[in-house]
Structure formats: C-alpha cells, structure tokens
PDB file of N, CA and C in Angstrom:
ATOM      1  N   UNK A   1       4.290  23.059  16.320  1.00  0.00           N
ATOM      2  CA  UNK A   1       4.916  22.182  15.805  1.00  0.00           C
ATOM      3  C   UNK A   1       4.956  20.791  15.680  1.00  0.00           C
ATOM      4  N   UNK A   2       4.694  20.394  14.240  1.00  0.00           N
ATOM      5  CA  UNK A   2       4.601  19.005  14.028  1.00  0.00           C
ATOM      6  C   UNK A   2       5.801  18.044  14.112  1.00  0.00           C
ATOM      7  N   UNK A   3       5.733  16.940  14.792  1.00  0.00           N
ATOM      8  CA  UNK A   3       7.020  15.774  15.088  1.00  0.00           C
ATOM      9  C   UNK A   3       6.918  15.254  14.158  1.00  0.00           C
ATOM     10  N   UNK A   4       6.078  14.456  13.627  1.00  0.00           N
ATOM     11  CA  UNK A   4       5.977  13.386  12.573  1.00  0.00           C
ATOM     12  C   UNK A   4       4.268  13.746  11.903  1.00  0.00           C
ATOM     13  N   UNK A   5       4.242  13.616  10.849  1.00  0.00           N
ATOM     14  CA  UNK A   5       3.336  13.166   9.926  1.00  0.00           C
ATOM     15  C   UNK A   5       3.506  12.050   8.999  1.00  0.00           C
ATOM     16  N   UNK A   6       2.182  11.615   8.224  1.00  0.00           N
ATOM     17  CA  UNK A   6       1.986  10.447   7.509  1.00  0.00           C
ATOM     18  C   UNK A   6       0.865  10.523   6.743  1.00  0.00           C
ATOM     19  N   UNK A   7       0.884  10.167   5.576  1.00  0.00           N
ATOM     20  CA  UNK A   7      -0.435  10.073   4.581  1.00  0.00           C
ATOM     21  C   UNK A   7      -0.499   8.786   3.890  1.00  0.00           C
ATOM     22  N   UNK A   8      -1.802   8.392   3.798  1.00  0.00           N
ATOM     23  CA  UNK A   8      -2.026   7.242   2.949  1.00  0.00           C
ATOM     24  C   UNK A   8      -2.570   7.438   1.699  1.00  0.00           C
ATOM     25  N   UNK A   9      -2.236   6.502   0.598  1.00  0.00           N
ATOM     26  CA  UNK A   9      -2.835   7.227  -0.607  1.00  0.00           C
ATOM     27  C   UNK A   9      -3.455   5.878  -0.948  1.00  0.00           C
ATOM     28  N   UNK A  10      -4.365   5.789  -1.990  1.00  0.00           N
ATOM     29  CA  UNK A  10      -4.964   4.999  -3.132  1.00  0.00           C
ATOM     30  C   UNK A  10      -4.975   5.094  -4.110  1.00  0.00           C
ATOM     31  N   UNK A  11      -4.906   4.522  -5.266  1.00  0.00           N
ATOM     32  CA  UNK A  11      -4.870   5.122  -6.326  1.00  0.00           C
ATOM     33  C   UNK A  11      -4.637   6.766  -6.637  1.00  0.00           C
ATOM     34  N   UNK A  12      -3.535   6.583  -6.421  1.00  0.00           N
ATOM     35  CA  UNK A  12      -2.384   8.426  -6.256  1.00  0.00           C
ATOM     36  C   UNK A  12      -3.075   9.361  -5.877  1.00  0.00           C
ATOM     37  N   UNK A  13      -4.362   9.095  -4.930  1.00  0.00           N
ATOM     38  CA  UNK A  13      -4.811  10.208  -4.201  1.00  0.00           C
ATOM     39  C   UNK A  13      -4.669  10.316  -2.499  1.00  0.00           C
ATOM     40  N   UNK A  14      -4.712  11.008  -1.956  1.00  0.00           N
ATOM     41  CA  UNK A  14      -4.473  11.224  -0.516  1.00  0.00           C
ATOM     42  C   UNK A  14      -5.632  10.918  -0.111  1.00  0.00           C
ATOM     43  N   UNK A  15      -5.631   9.852   0.810  1.00  0.00           N
ATOM     44  CA  UNK A  15      -7.548   9.028   1.547  1.00  0.00           C
ATOM     45  C   UNK A  15      -7.105   9.383   2.817  1.00  0.00           C
ATOM     46  N   UNK A  16      -6.116   9.868   3.451  1.00  0.00           N
ATOM     47  CA  UNK A  16      -5.733   9.792   5.054  1.00  0.00           C
ATOM     48  C   UNK A  16      -4.859  10.515   5.496  1.00  0.00           C
ATOM     49  N   UNK A  17      -4.650  10.530   6.317  1.00  0.00           N
ATOM     50  CA  UNK A  17      -3.171  11.434   7.166  1.00  0.00           C
ATOM     51  C   UNK A  17      -2.850  11.218   8.523  1.00  0.00           C
ATOM     52  N   UNK A  18      -2.235  10.913   9.188  1.00  0.00           N
ATOM     53  CA  UNK A  18      -1.787  11.051  10.738  1.00  0.00           C
ATOM     54  C   UNK A  18      -0.533  11.686  10.986  1.00  0.00           C
ATOM     55  N   UNK A  19      -0.496  12.607  11.912  1.00  0.00           N
ATOM     56  CA  UNK A  19      -0.085  13.670  12.561  1.00  0.00           C
ATOM     57  C   UNK A  19       0.259  13.912  13.805  1.00  0.00           C
ATOM     58  N   UNK A  20       1.067  14.262  14.574  1.00  0.00           N
ATOM     59  CA  UNK A  20       0.788  14.544  16.266  1.00  0.00           C
ATOM     60  C   UNK A  20       2.284  15.784  16.247  1.00  0.00           C
ATOM     61  N   UNK A  21       1.918  16.480  17.126  1.00  0.00           N
ATOM     62  CA  UNK A  21       3.031  17.404  17.694  1.00  0.00           C
ATOM     63  C   UNK A  21       3.107  17.523  19.500  1.00  0.00           C
ATOM     64  N   UNK A  22       3.924  18.200  19.559  1.00  0.00           N
ATOM     65  CA  UNK A  22       3.834  18.631  21.035  1.00  0.00           C
ATOM     66  C   UNK A  22       2.675  19.006  21.826  1.00  0.00           C
ATOM     67  N   UNK A  23       2.237  18.467  22.821  1.00  0.00           N
ATOM     68  CA  UNK A  23       1.288  18.450  23.582  1.00  0.00           C
ATOM     69  C   UNK A  23       0.788  20.084  23.840  1.00  0.00           C
ATOM     70  N   UNK A  24       1.862  20.678  24.386  1.00  0.00           N
ATOM     71  CA  UNK A  24       1.688  22.197  24.873  1.00  0.00           C
ATOM     72  C   UNK A  24       2.987  22.789  24.156  1.00  0.00           C
ATOM     73  N   UNK A  25       3.213  23.811  24.459  1.00  0.00           N
ATOM     74  CA  UNK A  25       4.001  24.471  23.892  1.00  0.00           C
ATOM     75  C   UNK A  25       5.172  24.961  25.429  1.00  0.00           C
ATOM     76  N   UNK A  26       5.209  24.621  26.077  1.00  0.00           N
ATOM     77  CA  UNK A  26       5.932  24.834  27.293  1.00  0.00           C
ATOM     78  C   UNK A  26       7.108  23.588  27.290  1.00  0.00           C
ATOM     79  N   UNK A  27       8.148  23.718  27.793  1.00  0.00           N
ATOM     80  CA  UNK A  27       9.220  22.441  27.759  1.00  0.00           C
ATOM     81  C   UNK A  27       8.738  21.575  28.366  1.00  0.00           C
ATOM     82  N   UNK A  28       7.910  21.799  29.730  1.00  0.00           N
ATOM     83  CA  UNK A  28       7.395  20.597  30.489  1.00  0.00           C
ATOM     84  C   UNK A  28       6.798  19.580  29.475  1.00  0.00           C
ATOM     85  N   UNK A  29       6.209  19.744  28.601  1.00  0.00           N
ATOM     86  CA  UNK A  29       5.365  18.889  27.959  1.00  0.00           C
ATOM     87  C   UNK A  29       6.047  18.240  26.943  1.00  0.00           C
ATOM     88  N   UNK A  30       7.024  18.439  26.712  1.00  0.00           N
ATOM     89  CA  UNK A  30       8.110  18.250  25.507  1.00  0.00           C
ATOM     90  C   UNK A  30       8.244  16.527  25.286  1.00  0.00           C
ATOM     91  N   UNK A  31       7.601  15.637  26.071  1.00  0.00           N
ATOM     92  CA  UNK A  31       7.543  14.244  26.069  1.00  0.00           C
ATOM     93  C   UNK A  31       6.260  13.550  25.878  1.00  0.00           C
ATOM     94  N   UNK A  32       5.114  15.087  25.568  1.00  0.00           N
ATOM     95  CA  UNK A  32       4.165  14.293  25.251  1.00  0.00           C
ATOM     96  C   UNK A  32       3.192  14.960  24.044  1.00  0.00           C
ATOM     97  N   UNK A  33       2.728  13.934  23.330  1.00  0.00           N
ATOM     98  CA  UNK A  33       2.234  14.275  21.846  1.00  0.00           C
ATOM     99  C   UNK A  33       0.455  14.575  21.981  1.00  0.00           C
ATOM    100  N   UNK A  34       0.222  15.213  21.023  1.00  0.00           N
ATOM    101  CA  UNK A  34      -1.370  15.029  20.859  1.00  0.00           C
ATOM    102  C   UNK A  34      -1.178  14.960  19.242  1.00  0.00           C
ATOM    103  N   UNK A  35      -2.026  14.042  19.088  1.00  0.00           N
ATOM    104  CA  UNK A  35      -2.219  13.292  17.358  1.00  0.00           C
ATOM    105  C   UNK A  35      -3.582  13.401  16.683  1.00  0.00           C
ATOM    106  N   UNK A  36      -3.468  13.386  15.705  1.00  0.00           N
ATOM    107  CA  UNK A  36      -4.990  13.288  14.583  1.00  0.00           C
ATOM    108  C   UNK A  36      -4.465  12.195  13.655  1.00  0.00           C
ATOM    109  N   UNK A  37      -5.841  11.721  13.387  1.00  0.00           N
ATOM    110  CA  UNK A  37      -5.919  10.743  12.448  1.00  0.00           C
ATOM    111  C   UNK A  37      -6.759  10.948  11.463  1.00  0.00           C
ATOM    112  N   UNK A  38      -6.981  11.064  10.527  1.00  0.00           N
ATOM    113  CA  UNK A  38      -8.017  11.349   9.412  1.00  0.00           C
ATOM    114  C   UNK A  38      -8.155  10.374   8.078  1.00  0.00           C
ATOM    115  N   UNK A  39      -9.231   9.614   8.242  1.00  0.00           N
ATOM    116  CA  UNK A  39      -9.473   8.771   6.922  1.00  0.00           C
ATOM    117  C   UNK A  39     -10.634   9.249   6.055  1.00  0.00           C
ATOM    118  N   UNK A  40     -10.674   9.576   4.965  1.00  0.00           N
ATOM    119  CA  UNK A  40     -11.872   9.511   3.990  1.00  0.00           C
ATOM    120  C   UNK A  40     -12.900   8.486   4.576  1.00  0.00           C
ATOM    121  N   UNK A  41     -13.867   9.162   4.253  1.00  0.00           N
ATOM    122  CA  UNK A  41     -15.286   8.393   4.648  1.00  0.00           C
ATOM    123  C   UNK A  41     -15.779   7.025   3.667  1.00  0.00           C
ATOM    124  N   UNK A  42     -15.150   7.593   2.740  1.00  0.00           N
ATOM    125  CA  UNK A  42     -15.112   6.237   1.721  1.00  0.00           C
ATOM    126  C   UNK A  42     -14.258   4.757   1.752  1.00  0.00           C
ATOM    127  N   UNK A  43     -13.418   4.952   2.209  1.00  0.00           N
ATOM    128  CA  UNK A  43     -12.351   4.182   2.275  1.00  0.00           C
ATOM    129  C   UNK A  43     -12.031   3.634   4.199  1.00  0.00           C
ATOM    130  N   UNK A  44     -13.109   4.129   5.003  1.00  0.00           N
ATOM    131  CA  UNK A  44     -13.189   3.829   6.025  1.00  0.00           C
ATOM    132  C   UNK A  44     -13.158   2.218   6.223  1.00  0.00           C
ATOM    133  N   UNK A  45     -12.708   1.486   7.600  1.00  0.00           N
ATOM    134  CA  UNK A  45     -12.995   0.088   7.763  1.00  0.00           C
ATOM    135  C   UNK A  45     -11.945  -0.742   6.826  1.00  0.00           C
ATOM    136  N   UNK A  46     -10.975  -0.150   5.900  1.00  0.00           N
ATOM    137  CA  UNK A  46     -10.306  -1.244   5.286  1.00  0.00           C
ATOM    138  C   UNK A  46      -8.889  -1.038   5.904  1.00  0.00           C
ATOM    139  N   UNK A  47      -8.266  -0.718   7.510  1.00  0.00           N
ATOM    140  CA  UNK A  47      -7.079  -0.747   7.951  1.00  0.00           C
ATOM    141  C   UNK A  47      -6.656   0.313   8.032  1.00  0.00           C
ATOM    142  N   UNK A  48      -6.920   1.389   6.702  1.00  0.00           N
ATOM    143  CA  UNK A  48      -6.123   2.594   6.489  1.00  0.00           C
ATOM    144  C   UNK A  48      -5.783   3.009   8.197  1.00  0.00           C
ATOM    145  N   UNK A  49      -6.325   3.531   8.842  1.00  0.00           N
ATOM    146  CA  UNK A  49      -6.435   4.101  10.037  1.00  0.00           C
ATOM    147  C   UNK A  49      -5.525   3.486  11.273  1.00  0.00           C
ATOM    148  N   UNK A  50      -5.724   2.274  11.262  1.00  0.00           N
ATOM    149  CA  UNK A  50      -4.787   1.273  11.793  1.00  0.00           C
ATOM    150  C   UNK A  50      -3.254   1.396  11.277  1.00  0.00           C
ATOM    151  N   UNK A  51      -3.172   1.408  10.020  1.00  0.00           N
ATOM    152  CA  UNK A  51      -1.582   1.531   9.534  1.00  0.00           C
ATOM    153  C   UNK A  51      -1.408   2.746   9.769  1.00  0.00           C
ATOM    154  N   UNK A  52      -1.841   4.066   9.806  1.00  0.00           N
ATOM    155  CA  UNK A  52      -1.308   5.421  10.154  1.00  0.00           C
ATOM    156  C   UNK A  52      -1.152   5.278  11.943  1.00  0.00           C
ATOM    157  N   UNK A  53      -2.083   4.735  12.520  1.00  0.00           N
ATOM    158  CA  UNK A  53      -1.808   4.521  14.284  1.00  0.00           C
ATOM    159  C   UNK A  53      -0.690   3.812  14.510  1.00  0.00           C
ATOM    160  N   UNK A  54      -0.673   2.844  14.016  1.00  0.00           N
ATOM    161  CA  UNK A  54       0.705   1.669  13.908  1.00  0.00           C
ATOM    162  C   UNK A  54       2.094   2.969  14.135  1.00  0.00           C
ATOM    163  N   UNK A  55       2.273   3.715  12.753  1.00  0.00           N
ATOM    164  CA  UNK A  55       3.139   4.192  12.383  1.00  0.00           C
ATOM    165  C   UNK A  55       3.155   5.402  13.218  1.00  0.00           C
ATOM    166  N   UNK A  56       2.301   6.274  13.703  1.00  0.00           N
ATOM    167  CA  UNK A  56       2.170   7.396  14.956  1.00  0.00           C
ATOM    168  C   UNK A  56       3.193   6.741  16.143  1.00  0.00           C
ATOM    169  N   UNK A  57       2.473   5.894  16.414  1.00  0.00           N
ATOM    170  CA  UNK A  57       2.697   5.292  17.702  1.00  0.00           C
ATOM    171  C   UNK A  57       4.255   4.863  17.453  1.00  0.00           C
ATOM    172  N   UNK A  58       4.810   3.957  16.901  1.00  0.00           N
ATOM    173  CA  UNK A  58       5.908   3.794  16.025  1.00  0.00           C
ATOM    174  C   UNK A  58       7.289   4.951  16.388  1.00  0.00           C
ATOM    175  N   UNK A  59       6.609   5.548  15.644  1.00  0.00           N
ATOM    176  CA  UNK A  59       7.725   6.579  15.478  1.00  0.00           C
ATOM    177  C   UNK A  59       7.752   7.850  16.926  1.00  0.00           C
ATOM    178  N   UNK A  60       6.769   7.627  17.533  1.00  0.00           N
ATOM    179  CA  UNK A  60       6.534   8.590  18.802  1.00  0.00           C
ATOM    180  C   UNK A  60       7.630   7.966  19.809  1.00  0.00           C
ATOM    181  N   UNK A  61       7.597   6.590  20.095  1.00  0.00           N
ATOM    182  CA  UNK A  61       8.222   5.750  20.767  1.00  0.00           C
ATOM    183  C   UNK A  61       9.574   6.119  20.040  1.00  0.00           C
ATOM    184  N   UNK A  62      10.126   5.778  18.963  1.00  0.00           N
ATOM    185  CA  UNK A  62      11.280   5.892  18.414  1.00  0.00           C
ATOM    186  C   UNK A  62      11.951   7.532  18.917  1.00  0.00           C
ATOM    187  N   UNK A  63      10.765   8.617  18.970  1.00  0.00           N
ATOM    188  CA  UNK A  63      11.058  10.046  19.166  1.00  0.00           C
ATOM    189  C   UNK A  63      11.178   9.872  20.700  1.00  0.00           C
ATOM    190  N   UNK A  64      10.857   8.839  21.573  1.00  0.00           N
ATOM    191  CA  UNK A  64      11.586   8.844  23.164  1.00  0.00           C
ATOM    192  C   UNK A  64      10.057   9.962  23.500  1.00  0.00           C
ATOM    193  N   UNK A  65       8.758  10.003  22.850  1.00  0.00           N
ATOM    194  CA  UNK A  65       8.136  10.399  23.420  1.00  0.00           C
ATOM    195  C   UNK A  65       7.802   9.692  24.800  1.00  0.00           C
ATOM    196  N   UNK A  66       6.793  10.120  25.571  1.00  0.00           N
ATOM    197  CA  UNK A  66       6.262   9.294  26.847  1.00  0.00           C
ATOM    198  C   UNK A  66       4.867   8.694  26.923  1.00  0.00           C
ATOM    199  N   UNK A  67       3.980   9.791  26.307  1.00  0.00           N
ATOM    200  CA  UNK A  67       2.205   9.715  26.086  1.00  0.00           C
ATOM    201  C   UNK A  67       2.079   9.936  24.542  1.00  0.00           C
ATOM    202  N   UNK A  68       0.997   9.525  24.217  1.00  0.00           N
ATOM    203  CA  UNK A  68       0.156   9.660  23.172  1.00  0.00           C
ATOM    204  C   UNK A  68      -1.327  10.417  23.529  1.00  0.00           C
ATOM    205  N   UNK A  69      -1.654  11.881  23.187  1.00  0.00           N
ATOM    206  CA  UNK A  69      -2.722  11.796  23.673  1.00  0.00           C
ATOM    207  C   UNK A  69      -3.744  12.005  22.359  1.00  0.00           C
ATOM    208  N   UNK A  70      -4.992  11.660  22.449  1.00  0.00           N
ATOM    209  CA  UNK A  70      -6.106  12.281  21.212  1.00  0.00           C
ATOM    210  C   UNK A  70      -7.240  12.718  21.969  1.00  0.00           C
ATOM    211  N   UNK A  71      -7.519  14.304  21.505  1.00  0.00           N
ATOM    212  CA  UNK A  71      -8.796  15.099  21.481  1.00  0.00           C
ATOM    213  C   UNK A  71      -9.806  14.888  20.634  1.00  0.00           C
ATOM    214  N   UNK A  72     -10.996  13.931  21.348  1.00  0.00           N
ATOM    215  CA  UNK A  72     -11.892  13.199  20.627  1.00  0.00           C
ATOM    216  C   UNK A  72     -13.334  13.621  20.929  1.00  0.00           C
ATOM    217  N   UNK A  73     -14.374  14.249  19.895  1.00  0.00           N
ATOM    218  CA  UNK A  73     -15.593  14.747  19.681  1.00  0.00           C
ATOM    219  C   UNK A  73     -15.965  13.178  20.849  1.00  0.00           C
ATOM    220  N   UNK A  74     -16.970  14.170  21.991  1.00  0.00           N
ATOM    221  CA  UNK A  74     -17.288  12.578  22.773  1.00  0.00           C
ATOM    222  C   UNK A  74     -18.476  11.977  22.247  1.00  0.00           C
ATOM    223  N   UNK A  75     -19.233  12.861  21.020  1.00  0.00           N
ATOM    224  CA  UNK A  75     -20.121  11.989  20.323  1.00  0.00           C
ATOM    225  C   UNK A  75     -19.408  11.009  19.114  1.00  0.00           C
ATOM    226  N   UNK A  76     -18.214  11.001  18.952  1.00  0.00           N
ATOM    227  CA  UNK A  76     -17.360  10.060  18.157  1.00  0.00           C
ATOM    228  C   UNK A  76     -16.793   8.855  18.673  1.00  0.00           C
ATOM    229  N   UNK A  77     -18.169   7.984  18.901  1.00  0.00           N
ATOM    230  CA  UNK A  77     -18.172   6.726  19.499  1.00  0.00           C
ATOM    231  C   UNK A  77     -17.050   5.690  18.691  1.00  0.00           C
ATOM    232  N   UNK A  78     -17.330   6.010  17.592  1.00  0.00           N
ATOM    233  CA  UNK A  78     -16.103   4.821  16.579  1.00  0.00           C
ATOM    234  C   UNK A  78     -14.760   5.482  17.233  1.00  0.00           C
ATOM    235  N   UNK A  79     -14.364   6.529  16.893  1.00  0.00           N
ATOM    236  CA  UNK A  79     -13.081   6.906  17.279  1.00  0.00           C
ATOM    237  C   UNK A  79     -12.233   6.375  18.685  1.00  0.00           C
ATOM    238  N   UNK A  80     -13.444   6.423  19.433  1.00  0.00           N
ATOM    239  CA  UNK A  80     -13.308   6.095  20.637  1.00  0.00           C
ATOM    240  C   UNK A  80     -13.001   4.657  21.096  1.00  0.00           C
ATOM    241  N   UNK A  81     -13.432   3.884  20.403  1.00  0.00           N
ATOM    242  CA  UNK A  81     -13.373   2.336  20.105  1.00  0.00           C
ATOM    243  C   UNK A  81     -11.853   2.038  19.266  1.00  0.00           C
ATOM    244  N   UNK A  82     -11.841   2.953  18.131  1.00  0.00           N
ATOM    245  CA  UNK A  82     -10.887   2.879  17.452  1.00  0.00           C
ATOM    246  C   UNK A  82      -9.235   2.948  18.379  1.00  0.00           C
ATOM    247  N   UNK A  83      -9.119   4.079  19.354  1.00  0.00           N
ATOM    248  CA  UNK A  83      -8.228   4.277  20.480  1.00  0.00           C
ATOM    249  C   UNK A  83      -7.806   3.188  21.235  1.00  0.00           C
ATOM    250  N   UNK A  84      -9.596   2.572  21.566  1.00  0.00           N
ATOM    251  CA  UNK A  84      -9.195   1.791  22.679  1.00  0.00           C
ATOM    252  C   UNK A  84      -8.376   0.633  22.133  1.00  0.00           C
ATOM    253  N   UNK A  85      -8.975   0.078  21.067  1.00  0.00           N
ATOM    254  CA  UNK A  85      -8.146  -0.825  20.205  1.00  0.00           C
ATOM    255  C   UNK A  85      -6.874  -0.821  20.161  1.00  0.00           C
ATOM    256  N   UNK A  86      -5.924   0.118  20.102  1.00  0.00           N
ATOM    257  CA  UNK A  86      -4.908  -0.031  20.290  1.00  0.00           C
ATOM    258  C   UNK A  86      -3.953   0.692  21.696  1.00  0.00           C
ATOM    259  N   UNK A  87      -4.837   0.426  22.816  1.00  0.00           N
ATOM    260  CA  UNK A  87      -4.402   0.758  24.154  1.00  0.00           C
ATOM    261  C   UNK A  87      -4.726   2.118  24.985  1.00  0.00           C
ATOM    262  N   UNK A  88      -5.574   2.908  24.381  1.00  0.00           N
ATOM    263  CA  UNK A  88      -5.518   3.991  24.928  1.00  0.00           C
ATOM    264  C   UNK A  88      -6.835   3.819  25.799  1.00  0.00           C
ATOM    265  N   UNK A  89      -6.873   4.945  26.820  1.00  0.00           N
ATOM    266  CA  UNK A  89      -7.641   4.789  27.910  1.00  0.00           C
ATOM    267  C   UNK A  89      -7.937   6.312  27.823  1.00  0.00           C
ATOM    268  N   UNK A  90      -9.407   6.268  28.768  1.00  0.00           N
ATOM    269  CA  UNK A  90      -9.818   7.637  28.525  1.00  0.00           C
ATOM    270  C   UNK A  90      -8.921   8.131  29.992  1.00  0.00           C
ATOM    271  N   UNK A  91      -8.836   9.525  29.465  1.00  0.00           N
ATOM    272  CA  UNK A  91      -7.940  10.331  30.777  1.00  0.00           C
ATOM    273  C   UNK A  91      -8.787  11.576  31.319  1.00  0.00           C
ATOM    274  N   UNK A  92      -9.937  12.042  30.573  1.00  0.00           N
ATOM    275  CA  UNK A  92     -10.520  13.050  31.013  1.00  0.00           C
ATOM    276  C   UNK A  92     -11.288  13.461  30.142  1.00  0.00           C
ATOM    277  N   UNK A  93     -12.691  14.069  30.450  1.00  0.00           N
ATOM    278  CA  UNK A  93     -13.996  14.669  29.658  1.00  0.00           C
ATOM    279  C   UNK A  93     -13.651  16.120  29.715  1.00  0.00           C
ATOM    280  N   UNK A  94     -13.944  17.397  28.854  1.00  0.00           N
ATOM    281  CA  UNK A  94     -14.274  18.374  29.195  1.00  0.00           C
ATOM    282  C   UNK A  94     -15.873  18.942  28.639  1.00  0.00           C
ATOM    283  N   UNK A  95     -16.836  19.332  29.038  1.00  0.00           N
ATOM    284  CA  UNK A  95     -17.979  19.504  28.634  1.00  0.00           C
ATOM    285  C   UNK A  95     -18.141  21.220  27.937  1.00  0.00           C
ATOM    286  N   UNK A  96     -18.268  21.044  26.672  1.00  0.00           N
ATOM    287  CA  UNK A  96     -18.729  21.961  25.950  1.00  0.00           C
ATOM    288  C   UNK A  96     -17.516  23.298  25.759  1.00  0.00           C
ATOM    289  N   UNK A  97     -16.350  22.380  25.230  1.00  0.00           N
ATOM    290  CA  UNK A  97     -15.435  23.143  24.712  1.00  0.00           C
ATOM    291  C   UNK A  97     -15.215  23.280  23.937  1.00  0.00           C
ATOM    292  N   UNK A  98     -15.817  22.753  22.714  1.00  0.00           N
ATOM    293  CA  UNK A  98     -15.653  23.349  21.075  1.00  0.00           C
ATOM    294  C   UNK A  98     -17.156  23.307  20.749  1.00  0.00           C
ATOM    295  N   UNK A  99     -16.784  24.010  19.205  1.00  0.00           N
ATOM    296  CA  UNK A  99     -18.309  24.578  19.063  1.00  0.00           C
ATOM    297  C   UNK A  99     -18.267  24.523  17.429  1.00  0.00           C
ATOM    298  N   UNK A 100     -18.986  23.555  16.759  1.00  0.00           N
ATOM    299  CA  UNK A 100     -18.943  23.035  15.742  1.00  0.00           C
ATOM    300  C   UNK A 100     -20.497  22.848  14.910  1.00  0.00           C
ATOM    301  N   UNK A 101     -20.907  23.075  13.913  1.00  0.00           N
ATOM    302  CA  UNK A 101     -22.225  22.459  13.182  1.00  0.00           C
ATOM    303  C   UNK A 101     -23.319  23.156  14.304  1.00  0.00           C
ATOM    304  N   UNK A 102     -23.294  24.393  14.986  1.00  0.00           N
ATOM    305  CA  UNK A 102     -24.479  24.907  15.606  1.00  0.00           C
ATOM    306  C   UNK A 102     -24.465  24.093  16.879  1.00  0.00           C
ATOM    307  N   UNK A 103     -23.514  23.526  17.282  1.00  0.00           N
ATOM    308  CA  UNK A 103     -23.947  22.931  18.559  1.00  0.00           C
ATOM    309  C   UNK A 103     -22.560  22.987  19.660  1.00  0.00           C
ATOM    310  N   UNK A 104     -22.857  22.864  20.718  1.00  0.00           N
ATOM    311  CA  UNK A 104     -21.350  22.623  21.619  1.00  0.00           C
ATOM    312  C   UNK A 104     -20.767  21.172  21.437  1.00  0.00           C
ATOM    313  N   UNK A 105     -19.888  20.922  21.748  1.00  0.00           N
ATOM    314  CA  UNK A 105     -19.411  19.135  22.159  1.00  0.00           C
ATOM    315  C   UNK A 105     -18.280  19.443  23.246  1.00  0.00           C
ATOM    316  N   UNK A 106     -18.705  17.962  23.633  1.00  0.00           N
ATOM    317  CA  UNK A 106     -17.703  17.800  24.683  1.00  0.00           C
ATOM    318  C   UNK A 106     -16.517  17.108  24.085  1.00  0.00           C
ATOM    319  N   UNK A 107     -15.711  17.361  24.698  1.00  0.00           N
ATOM    320  CA  UNK A 107     -14.438  16.709  24.361  1.00  0.00           C
ATOM    321  C   UNK A 107     -13.809  15.513  25.520  1.00  0.00           C
ATOM    322  N   UNK A 108     -13.418  14.345  24.843  1.00  0.00           N
ATOM    323  CA  UNK A 108     -12.930  13.215  25.758  1.00  0.00           C
ATOM    324  C   UNK A 108     -11.289  13.553  25.369  1.00  0.00           C
ATOM    325  N   UNK A 109     -10.676  13.385  26.103  1.00  0.00           N
ATOM    326  CA  UNK A 109      -8.991  12.959  25.862  1.00  0.00           C
ATOM    327  C   UNK A 109      -8.701  11.624  26.490  1.00  0.00           C
ATOM    328  N   UNK A 110      -8.156  10.870  25.436  1.00  0.00           N
ATOM    329  CA  UNK A 110      -7.323   9.501  25.609  1.00  0.00           C
ATOM    330  C   UNK A 110      -6.308   9.837  25.651  1.00  0.00           C
ATOM    331  N   UNK A 111      -5.759   8.751  26.102  1.00  0.00           N
ATOM    332  CA  UNK A 111      -3.994   8.549  26.421  1.00  0.00           C
ATOM    333  C   UNK A 111      -3.645   7.080  26.091  1.00  0.00           C
ATOM    334  N   UNK A 112      -2.486   7.224  25.399  1.00  0.00           N
ATOM    335  CA  UNK A 112      -1.484   5.683  25.540  1.00  0.00           C
ATOM    336  C   UNK A 112       0.189   6.188  26.098  1.00  0.00           C
ATOM    337  N   UNK A 113      -0.152   5.768  27.002  1.00  0.00           N
ATOM    338  CA  UNK A 113       1.399   5.758  27.833  1.00  0.00           C
ATOM    339  C   UNK A 113       2.711   4.882  26.804  1.00  0.00           C
ATOM    340  N   UNK A 114       3.569   5.617  26.207  1.00  0.00           N
ATOM    341  CA  UNK A 114       4.126   4.659  25.211  1.00  0.00           C
ATOM    342  C   UNK A 114       5.733   4.251  26.068  1.00  0.00           C
TER     343      UNK A 114
END
C-alpha cells in the first residue's frame, strides 16, 4: 500500500520519484513508513533528491507517521550520506539479505523519527 508518491520532471520527462508505504502490513506498524527515492543518474547532484525527500518528510508528518525508514544497499555510501543530511541515523544492518548483479548485498536500515 502506497501512502504517498511524488515525481520530479525536467523538460517534460520524469527524472525522479519518491514514495513511501506502510513499513509492515500488520496493524502494529501503521505509524511506520518505508520510503524509496530514485533520481536518474544524469541529473543527480542538482537538488532533485532533496526536494523529493523534503516532500516525503512533510507528507509523512502530515499523515501522522511516527518514523520514516530507508533500506539501503550498504555499499551505497552516497545514499547513506544523503539520508544523514536529512537527520536519518543508522538503526540496523543485515548481512547478505539481498542478491543482485551476481552478488550478495548487505542492507542498512536508516530511520528518521518524525
């Protein structure tokens, strides 16, 4: 279930999106949301991701969520730095829980208390 979604366009082409939904499908997690942000590589570094993040945080607060959670490939240090810029802190790390591009991936969970 998606609770919010935003897109970013440049020259009438979508170059990014951000969305969040309920962290887990059980009622006890109804105040926790997990988000995703994607910005096309050729437009990174121009503030698009930041605008999407700000919109997600604002909407999550307006919808009375208590926390926003990010699941990030542990090798994606740029994303970890980006999330820290918005007040996220590392809440946990799972080893080899994802498999992509012929390799196992560690997952970092970062969390922002709203």
